[in-house]
Amino acid sequence: MEYRKQLQSFVDYFKSSEKNRAEEAIGVEVEHFIVWATDLQAVNYSESEGIAAILQRLLEQGWQGQNEGDFLVQLSKEEKIITLEPGGQLEVSINPQQQISDLANIYRSFLADIIPILNANDQLLLTTGCQVESKLEEIEWTPKARYRIMSRYLAKRGKYAHHMMKASAALQVAIDYRSEADFIKKFKIANSLSPIISVLSDNSPFFVGQRYEQHAARTLIWSNCDDERCGVVEEAFSDHFGYQKYAEYILKRRPILLNEGNEFKFTGEQTCREIFANEGMSSANLEHVLTMFFPEVRAKNFIELRMMDTLPPELLWGIVAFWKGLLYDEENLQEVYELVKDWSYAEAEQVRADIIKEGLEAELRGQTFLELGRKLFEISARGLSAEELEYLADFKELITSGQNPVAVTRESLEAGNDKKRALEWLTLNRKL
């Protein structure tokens, strides 16, 4: 397929994904660690009462299963899907909903199904950005062919690539776009704010067994994973950014693998452009390669915001409300776009490094990220209904007090509590 036609295929795909105002919704994906209550070690896939057994118990309770070979690796029920990340992290994806209350109710139904199983096993469902106890070599790989190929490839790209795969957990929010102009604004805003939101949602007090004394551990991990497919999207800061520019971003990069006939094929050093020049590009392959790049913000048939650490429900729905108020209110969208429209890629890259050392005190153009965060939460609040403001309240209060999630756990540790006690507020077993 000619390069021009490849580009047009992506442009057409993004164009066909546009939603009108009445259709706008929000989707979420929440990753969790399952750990043993006795020692906070990761629960592995194949051990007794491990991840496979937990999925089997859910299957017996009415969930629908999907196997890869002999291994149960996915479940679905009503508006939600459970998948496994490479280190056994349990991800629940909730279909897009227009009301945050509907998202919260669906998530609560997931907890109602899984928590009794974990309680019976003496296991905890934990929401932190990084594994709190297990070392990398102690975490079993999820038995999926895709992950085997990716692990070999990424191991040569960055020293924390396997930490990203096996020992980190994120919250991802999906936002609709109405037109290419709307896409451009939202994509630029999200990329520009990515470092700010990363540190506002920092929830990683431990890094594979050790106290983590710096900030934004997941930013550190992603900055040492694979520069070709991670970080902020440089093209988003171009005056000519749009659907085609994002297509160019994808096509000049290597996808690692393709799915052919239900088998994954390693694509080596070939770029997407080179592969599709020889083989053509099906709609399935187009959608697949969009998932093989992991920037802080990425485009699919929605805009996926990927920079947040996983969070407990009271903060999870706060950050969802934050994005809704910021990006789905026209006046707020324009105000924030005016704020960031001349921010540069170089600045974004610099502050991603700064937040690791300085946390909320990192600065951009004379303002600390804490000050910018407070300003952004005030703007977001103006775009929310009274009900939605309730979801925003806890996170806004935390930021107003000068803290982020990691600070809460650190305060508990400094007060003399042990690791398990300090992490109680991040343990979902208490939520039922």
Protein backbone atom coordinates (compact mmCIF):
# COMPACT_ATOMS: atom_id res chain seq x y z
CA MET A 1 0.00 0.00 0.00
CA GLU A 2 1.35 3.41 -0.92
CA TYR A 3 2.34 5.68 1.97
CA ARG A 4 -0.28 8.23 0.95
CA LYS A 5 -2.98 5.56 1.20
CA GLN A 6 -1.63 4.37 4.54
CA LEU A 7 -1.94 7.88 5.92
CA GLN A 8 -5.43 8.24 4.54
CA SER A 9 -6.50 4.96 6.16
CA PHE A 10 -5.63 6.37 9.58
CA VAL A 11 -7.22 9.72 8.82
CA ASP A 12 -10.43 7.97 7.75
CA TYR A 13 -10.37 5.83 10.89
CA PHE A 14 -10.03 8.84 13.19
CA LYS A 15 -12.68 10.73 11.23
CA SER A 16 -15.11 7.82 11.54
CA SER A 17 -14.54 7.79 15.31
CA GLU A 18 -15.82 11.32 15.90
CA LYS A 19 -18.79 11.62 18.25
CA ASN A 20 -21.40 14.33 18.51
CA ARG A 21 -22.01 16.11 21.79
CA ALA A 22 -24.95 13.88 22.74
CA GLU A 23 -22.78 10.77 22.31
CA GLU A 24 -19.82 11.88 24.44
CA ALA A 25 -18.92 9.38 27.13
CA ILE A 26 -15.97 8.37 29.31
CA GLY A 27 -14.37 4.95 29.62
CA VAL A 28 -11.89 3.79 32.26
CA GLU A 29 -9.34 1.01 32.68
CA VAL A 30 -8.07 0.34 36.19
CA GLU A 31 -5.08 -1.91 36.89
CA HIS A 32 -4.69 -3.62 40.28
CA PHE A 33 -2.14 -5.75 42.10
CA ILE A 34 -3.29 -8.89 43.87
CA VAL A 35 -0.95 -9.58 46.80
CA TRP A 36 -0.85 -11.97 49.73
CA ALA A 37 -2.13 -10.34 52.92
CA THR A 38 0.57 -12.03 55.01
CA ASP A 39 3.62 -10.53 53.30
CA LEU A 40 2.35 -8.30 50.44
CA GLN A 41 4.13 -10.49 47.87
CA ALA A 42 2.61 -10.66 44.39
CA VAL A 43 0.13 -13.45 43.75
CA ASN A 44 1.37 -15.23 40.64
CA TYR A 45 -0.67 -16.73 37.84
CA SER A 46 0.03 -20.43 38.28
CA GLU A 47 0.47 -20.84 42.05
CA SER A 48 -2.14 -22.41 44.29
CA GLU A 49 -5.05 -19.95 44.65
CA GLY A 50 -3.20 -17.77 42.16
CA ILE A 51 -4.51 -15.55 39.38
CA ALA A 52 -5.68 -18.48 37.23
CA ALA A 53 -7.67 -19.92 40.12
CA ILE A 54 -9.21 -16.53 40.90
CA LEU A 55 -10.33 -16.14 37.29
CA GLN A 56 -11.77 -19.65 37.39
CA ARG A 57 -13.82 -18.77 40.48
CA LEU A 58 -15.21 -15.72 38.67
CA LEU A 59 -16.00 -17.93 35.67
CA GLU A 60 -18.07 -20.12 37.96
CA GLN A 61 -19.98 -17.03 39.12
CA GLY A 62 -21.27 -16.13 35.65
CA TRP A 63 -18.40 -14.34 33.97
CA GLN A 64 -17.59 -15.37 30.40
CA GLY A 65 -14.05 -16.59 29.81
CA GLN A 66 -11.51 -16.41 27.01
CA ASN A 67 -8.49 -18.69 26.79
CA GLU A 68 -5.16 -18.42 25.05
CA GLY A 69 -4.27 -22.04 24.48
CA ASP A 70 -4.82 -23.79 27.80
CA PHE A 71 -4.68 -20.59 29.82
CA LEU A 72 -7.66 -18.53 31.00
CA VAL A 73 -6.57 -14.92 30.42
CA GLN A 74 -9.73 -12.81 30.03
CA LEU A 75 -13.22 -12.51 31.45
CA SER A 76 -16.23 -10.38 30.60
CA LYS A 77 -19.54 -9.62 32.25
CA GLU A 78 -22.09 -7.01 31.24
CA GLU A 79 -20.28 -3.65 30.89
CA LYS A 80 -16.84 -4.76 32.05
CA ILE A 81 -13.87 -6.84 30.92
CA ILE A 82 -11.04 -8.29 33.02
CA THR A 83 -7.68 -8.74 31.32
CA LEU A 84 -4.21 -9.55 32.62
CA GLU A 85 -1.14 -7.38 32.31
CA PRO A 86 2.28 -9.07 31.90
CA GLY A 87 2.98 -9.46 35.63
CA GLY A 88 -0.51 -10.64 36.52
CA GLN A 89 -1.87 -7.16 37.21
CA LEU A 90 -5.65 -7.40 37.02
CA GLU A 91 -7.12 -4.77 34.71
CA VAL A 92 -10.83 -4.05 34.65
CA SER A 93 -12.08 -2.08 31.64
CA ILE A 94 -15.49 -0.43 31.85
CA ASN A 95 -17.39 0.38 28.69
CA PRO A 96 -17.83 4.13 28.11
CA GLN A 97 -20.65 5.73 30.10
CA GLN A 98 -22.03 9.24 30.05
CA GLN A 99 -22.43 9.43 33.82
CA ILE A 100 -19.62 8.96 36.32
CA SER A 101 -22.13 7.38 38.69
CA ASP A 102 -22.71 4.60 36.16
CA LEU A 103 -18.96 3.96 35.89
CA ALA A 104 -18.71 3.85 39.69
CA ASN A 105 -21.63 1.41 40.00
CA ILE A 106 -20.15 -0.94 37.41
CA TYR A 107 -16.78 -0.85 39.16
CA ARG A 108 -18.49 -1.54 42.47
CA SER A 109 -20.11 -4.64 40.95
CA PHE A 110 -16.64 -5.86 39.95
CA LEU A 111 -15.42 -5.41 43.52
CA ALA A 112 -18.50 -7.21 44.85
CA ASP A 113 -17.63 -10.24 42.72
CA ILE A 114 -13.90 -10.44 43.35
CA ILE A 115 -13.35 -9.26 46.93
CA PRO A 116 -15.08 -12.25 48.62
CA ILE A 117 -12.83 -14.59 46.61
CA LEU A 118 -9.71 -12.69 47.68
CA ASN A 119 -10.83 -12.49 51.31
CA ALA A 120 -11.27 -16.26 51.37
CA ASN A 121 -7.72 -16.64 49.98
CA ASP A 122 -6.22 -14.11 52.43
CA GLN A 123 -5.31 -11.86 49.49
CA LEU A 124 -5.55 -8.11 48.98
CA LEU A 125 -6.55 -6.04 45.96
CA LEU A 126 -4.13 -3.14 45.99
CA THR A 127 -4.12 0.19 44.14
CA THR A 128 -0.57 1.53 43.95
CA GLY A 129 1.50 2.59 40.95
CA CYS A 130 4.27 0.02 41.58
CA GLN A 131 4.59 -3.37 43.25
CA VAL A 132 5.21 -2.83 46.95
CA GLU A 133 7.17 -5.95 47.92
CA SER A 134 8.02 -8.43 45.15
CA LYS A 135 11.24 -8.12 43.19
CA LEU A 136 11.03 -8.35 39.42
CA GLU A 137 12.38 -11.90 39.28
CA GLU A 138 9.76 -13.05 41.81
CA ILE A 139 6.86 -12.01 39.55
CA GLU A 140 5.69 -14.65 37.10
CA TRP A 141 4.97 -13.70 33.50
CA THR A 142 1.35 -13.97 32.39
CA PRO A 143 1.26 -16.84 29.84
CA LYS A 144 0.42 -14.82 26.74
CA ALA A 145 2.43 -15.08 23.51
CA ARG A 146 2.22 -11.35 22.92
CA TYR A 147 4.00 -10.63 26.18
CA ARG A 148 6.80 -13.11 25.47
CA ILE A 149 7.62 -11.33 22.22
CA MET A 150 7.35 -7.88 23.76
CA SER A 151 9.52 -8.80 26.74
CA ARG A 152 12.40 -9.93 24.54
CA TYR A 153 12.19 -6.83 22.36
CA LEU A 154 11.78 -4.25 25.13
CA ALA A 155 14.53 -5.76 27.30
CA LYS A 156 17.02 -4.27 24.84
CA ARG A 157 15.38 -0.83 24.82
CA GLY A 158 15.39 0.39 28.40
CA LYS A 159 16.54 -0.72 31.85
CA TYR A 160 13.05 -0.44 33.35
CA ALA A 161 11.10 -1.99 30.45
CA HIS A 162 10.31 -5.14 32.40
CA HIS A 163 9.40 -3.08 35.46
CA MET A 164 6.86 -1.32 33.26
CA MET A 165 5.45 -4.65 32.09
CA LYS A 166 5.43 -6.63 35.33
CA ALA A 167 5.57 -4.23 38.26
CA SER A 168 3.57 -1.08 37.45
CA ALA A 169 -0.14 -0.30 37.46
CA ALA A 170 -2.01 2.59 35.88
CA LEU A 171 -5.38 4.24 35.52
CA GLN A 172 -6.41 5.09 31.96
CA VAL A 173 -9.27 7.39 30.95
CA ALA A 174 -10.85 7.41 27.48
CA ILE A 175 -12.21 10.70 26.13
CA ASP A 176 -14.23 11.21 22.93
CA TYR A 177 -13.53 13.84 20.30
CA ARG A 178 -16.10 15.59 18.09
CA SER A 179 -13.98 16.76 15.17
CA GLU A 180 -10.37 17.10 14.13
CA ALA A 181 -10.24 20.58 15.67
CA ASP A 182 -11.59 19.19 18.95
CA PHE A 183 -9.11 16.29 18.75
CA ILE A 184 -6.20 18.71 18.29
CA LYS A 185 -7.16 20.80 21.34
CA LYS A 186 -7.72 17.82 23.63
CA PHE A 187 -4.58 16.03 22.48
CA LYS A 188 -2.39 19.10 22.94
CA ILE A 189 -3.87 19.83 26.37
CA ALA A 190 -3.44 16.26 27.58
CA ASN A 191 0.18 16.01 26.38
CA SER A 192 1.05 19.39 27.87
CA LEU A 193 -0.53 18.58 31.22
CA SER A 194 0.81 15.02 31.32
CA PRO A 195 3.73 15.71 33.71
CA ILE A 196 1.49 17.75 36.01
CA ILE A 197 -1.15 15.04 36.21
CA SER A 198 1.53 12.38 36.65
CA VAL A 199 2.78 13.99 39.84
CA LEU A 200 -0.69 15.02 41.08
CA SER A 201 -1.70 11.34 40.86
CA ASP A 202 1.64 9.97 42.12
CA ASN A 203 0.72 6.89 44.16
CA SER A 204 4.00 4.95 44.25
CA PRO A 205 5.52 4.95 47.75
CA PHE A 206 7.41 1.72 47.01
CA PHE A 207 9.39 0.48 44.06
CA VAL A 208 9.66 -3.35 43.96
CA GLY A 209 10.22 -3.82 47.65
CA GLN A 210 12.03 -0.63 48.60
CA ARG A 211 10.84 2.75 49.89
CA TYR A 212 10.87 5.09 46.91
CA GLU A 213 12.22 8.44 48.06
CA GLN A 214 11.87 10.44 44.84
CA HIS A 215 8.65 11.19 42.98
CA ALA A 216 6.58 9.86 40.07
CA ALA A 217 8.11 6.38 39.94
CA ARG A 218 6.05 5.41 36.91
CA THR A 219 7.43 8.42 35.01
CA LEU A 220 10.91 7.16 35.86
CA ILE A 221 9.98 3.71 34.60
CA TRP A 222 8.40 4.92 31.36
CA SER A 223 11.34 7.26 30.73
CA ASN A 224 13.58 4.18 30.74
CA CYS A 225 11.44 1.80 28.72
CA ASP A 226 11.52 2.55 24.98
CA ASP A 227 11.90 6.12 23.75
CA GLU A 228 10.38 5.17 20.41
CA ARG A 229 6.97 4.37 21.86
CA CYS A 230 6.75 6.15 25.24
CA GLY A 231 6.71 9.67 26.67
CA VAL A 232 4.82 12.63 25.23
CA VAL A 233 4.03 12.81 21.52
CA GLU A 234 6.33 15.41 19.96
CA GLU A 235 3.99 15.88 17.00
CA ALA A 236 1.28 17.16 19.37
CA PHE A 237 3.32 20.35 19.78
CA SER A 238 3.50 21.00 16.04
CA ASP A 239 1.52 23.84 14.47
CA HIS A 240 0.35 21.30 11.89
CA PHE A 241 -0.78 18.56 14.28
CA GLY A 242 -3.92 16.62 13.41
CA TYR A 243 -5.06 13.19 12.30
CA GLN A 244 -2.36 12.90 9.63
CA LYS A 245 0.46 13.93 11.97
CA TYR A 246 -0.55 11.21 14.42
CA ALA A 247 -0.63 8.75 11.52
CA GLU A 248 2.93 9.80 10.66
CA TYR A 249 3.93 9.25 14.30
CA ILE A 250 2.66 5.65 14.10
CA LEU A 251 3.87 4.74 10.62
CA LYS A 252 7.51 5.69 11.17
CA ARG A 253 7.80 3.43 14.22
CA ARG A 254 8.26 -0.32 14.77
CA PRO A 255 5.18 -2.19 16.04
CA ILE A 256 7.11 -5.19 17.51
CA LEU A 257 4.47 -7.68 16.39
CA LEU A 258 1.34 -8.26 14.32
CA ASN A 259 -1.50 -10.71 14.81
CA GLU A 260 -1.81 -13.00 11.82
CA GLY A 261 -4.27 -15.87 11.82
CA ASN A 262 -4.57 -15.79 15.63
CA GLU A 263 -0.80 -16.05 15.97
CA PHE A 264 1.59 -13.23 16.80
CA LYS A 265 4.40 -12.57 14.34
CA PHE A 266 7.54 -10.70 15.41
CA THR A 267 8.16 -7.81 13.01
CA GLY A 268 11.70 -6.96 14.08
CA GLU A 269 13.17 -3.70 12.87
CA GLN A 270 10.50 -3.02 10.26
CA THR A 271 8.42 0.13 10.68
CA CYS A 272 4.67 0.14 10.21
CA ARG A 273 5.16 1.98 6.94
CA GLU A 274 7.50 -0.73 5.64
CA ILE A 275 5.30 -3.58 6.79
CA PHE A 276 2.13 -2.22 5.24
CA ALA A 277 3.89 -1.28 2.02
CA ASN A 278 4.48 -5.01 1.51
CA GLU A 279 1.40 -6.56 3.11
CA GLY A 280 -1.35 -3.99 2.91
CA MET A 281 -3.26 -2.86 5.99
CA SER A 282 -6.49 -4.40 7.25
CA SER A 283 -8.71 -2.53 9.70
CA ALA A 284 -7.71 -5.08 12.36
CA ASN A 285 -4.01 -4.39 11.79
CA LEU A 286 -4.61 -0.64 11.85
CA GLU A 287 -6.31 -0.91 15.23
CA HIS A 288 -3.63 -3.29 16.49
CA VAL A 289 -0.67 -1.03 15.75
CA LEU A 290 -2.39 1.86 17.52
CA THR A 291 -2.17 -0.24 20.70
CA MET A 292 1.53 -1.08 20.24
CA PHE A 293 2.74 2.41 21.14
CA PHE A 294 2.47 3.63 24.71
CA PRO A 295 2.78 7.42 24.92
CA GLU A 296 1.29 9.29 27.86
CA VAL A 297 -1.59 10.22 25.57
CA ARG A 298 -2.53 8.14 22.55
CA ALA A 299 -5.16 8.17 19.83
CA LYS A 300 -7.47 5.30 19.00
CA ASN A 301 -11.17 5.66 18.34
CA PHE A 302 -10.94 7.88 21.41
CA ILE A 303 -8.16 9.79 23.17
CA GLU A 304 -6.58 7.67 25.88
CA LEU A 305 -5.07 9.47 28.88
CA ARG A 306 -2.44 7.16 30.35
CA MET A 307 -0.29 9.17 32.77
CA MET A 308 -2.08 8.44 36.07
CA ASP A 309 -1.04 5.92 38.71
CA THR A 310 -3.82 3.56 39.67
CA LEU A 311 -5.91 5.02 42.49
CA PRO A 312 -8.47 3.98 45.12
CA PRO A 313 -12.12 4.74 44.26
CA GLU A 314 -12.43 8.05 46.11
CA LEU A 315 -9.57 9.45 44.02
CA LEU A 316 -10.21 7.39 40.90
CA TRP A 317 -13.58 9.04 40.29
CA GLY A 318 -12.10 12.39 41.24
CA ILE A 319 -9.57 12.26 38.40
CA VAL A 320 -12.28 11.05 36.01
CA ALA A 321 -14.44 14.02 37.04
CA PHE A 322 -11.40 16.30 36.66
CA TRP A 323 -10.90 15.28 33.02
CA LYS A 324 -14.62 15.48 32.27
CA GLY A 325 -14.92 19.01 33.64
CA LEU A 326 -11.76 20.12 31.86
CA LEU A 327 -12.28 18.59 28.40
CA TYR A 328 -16.06 18.25 27.93
CA ASP A 329 -16.97 21.82 28.85
CA GLU A 330 -16.39 24.11 25.86
CA GLU A 331 -15.41 27.19 27.86
CA ASN A 332 -13.01 25.22 30.03
CA LEU A 333 -11.53 23.45 27.03
CA GLN A 334 -10.79 26.76 25.35
CA GLU A 335 -9.41 28.35 28.53
CA VAL A 336 -6.98 25.50 29.13
CA TYR A 337 -6.01 25.38 25.46
CA GLU A 338 -5.12 29.07 25.63
CA LEU A 339 -3.01 28.30 28.69
CA VAL A 340 -0.97 25.54 27.02
CA LYS A 341 -1.07 26.27 23.30
CA ASP A 342 2.44 27.76 23.19
CA TRP A 343 4.02 25.22 25.57
CA SER A 344 6.78 23.35 23.78
CA TYR A 345 7.86 19.76 23.48
CA ALA A 346 11.22 20.68 25.01
CA GLU A 347 9.46 22.08 28.07
CA ALA A 348 7.33 18.95 28.39
CA GLU A 349 10.40 16.72 28.24
CA GLN A 350 12.27 18.86 30.77
CA VAL A 351 9.51 18.89 33.34
CA ARG A 352 9.04 15.12 33.01
CA ALA A 353 12.60 14.87 34.31
CA ASP A 354 12.03 17.59 36.92
CA ILE A 355 9.05 15.92 38.59
CA ILE A 356 11.09 12.83 39.45
CA LYS A 357 13.39 14.94 41.62
CA GLU A 358 11.10 17.75 42.72
CA GLY A 359 7.57 16.35 42.75
CA LEU A 360 4.86 18.94 43.25
CA GLU A 361 7.49 21.66 43.62
CA ALA A 362 8.66 21.25 40.01
CA GLU A 363 8.05 24.47 38.09
CA LEU A 364 6.90 25.49 34.64
CA ARG A 365 7.02 29.12 33.61
CA GLY A 366 7.27 30.37 37.16
CA GLN A 367 4.50 28.25 38.69
CA THR A 368 4.89 25.09 40.70
CA PHE A 369 2.95 22.03 39.63
CA LEU A 370 1.02 22.24 42.88
CA GLU A 371 -0.10 25.77 41.98
CA LEU A 372 -0.96 24.72 38.43
CA GLY A 373 -2.82 21.68 39.74
CA ARG A 374 -4.96 23.79 42.05
CA LYS A 375 -5.75 26.15 39.19
CA LEU A 376 -6.73 23.28 36.90
CA PHE A 377 -9.00 21.72 39.52
CA GLU A 378 -10.76 25.08 39.96
CA ILE A 379 -11.31 25.32 36.21
CA SER A 380 -12.58 21.74 36.00
CA ALA A 381 -15.06 22.29 38.82
CA ARG A 382 -16.83 24.97 36.77
CA GLY A 383 -17.71 22.40 34.12
CA LEU A 384 -19.31 19.81 36.41
CA SER A 385 -22.80 19.25 37.73
CA ALA A 386 -23.49 19.25 41.46
CA GLU A 387 -23.43 15.44 41.52
CA GLU A 388 -20.13 15.32 39.63
CA LEU A 389 -18.57 17.86 41.98
CA GLU A 390 -19.04 15.34 44.78
CA TYR A 391 -16.72 12.96 42.94
CA LEU A 392 -14.13 15.71 42.53
CA ALA A 393 -14.21 16.73 46.20
CA ASP A 394 -11.71 14.31 47.79
CA PHE A 395 -9.03 14.78 45.16
CA LYS A 396 -9.50 18.54 45.14
CA GLU A 397 -9.22 18.61 48.94
CA LEU A 398 -6.00 16.58 48.77
CA ILE A 399 -4.44 18.99 46.26
CA THR A 400 -5.69 22.03 48.16
CA SER A 401 -3.93 20.71 51.26
CA GLY A 402 -0.67 20.56 49.29
CA GLN A 403 -0.52 16.78 48.98
CA ASN A 404 -0.80 14.00 46.44
CA PRO A 405 -1.66 10.33 47.12
CA VAL A 406 1.91 9.20 47.78
CA ALA A 407 2.23 11.79 50.54
CA VAL A 408 -0.64 10.18 52.48
CA THR A 409 1.13 6.82 52.60
CA ARG A 410 4.47 8.42 53.44
CA GLU A 411 2.92 10.31 56.34
CA SER A 412 1.56 7.06 57.72
CA LEU A 413 4.96 5.43 57.45
CA GLU A 414 6.63 8.38 59.12
CA ALA A 415 4.11 8.08 61.96
CA GLY A 416 5.54 4.61 62.67
CA ASN A 417 3.02 2.40 60.89
CA ASP A 418 4.30 -0.68 59.12
CA LYS A 419 3.94 -1.10 55.37
CA LYS A 420 0.68 -3.07 55.52
CA ARG A 421 -0.98 -0.56 57.84
CA ALA A 422 0.23 2.40 55.76
CA LEU A 423 -1.28 0.83 52.64
CA GLU A 424 -4.69 0.07 54.16
CA TRP A 425 -6.30 3.08 52.53
CA LEU A 426 -5.18 1.75 49.12
CA THR A 427 -6.53 -1.75 49.77
CA LEU A 428 -9.88 -2.37 48.10
CA ASN A 429 -10.93 -5.18 50.42
CA ARG A 430 -12.08 -2.40 52.78
CA LYS A 431 -14.40 -0.91 50.13
CA LEU A 432 -17.31 -3.36 50.52
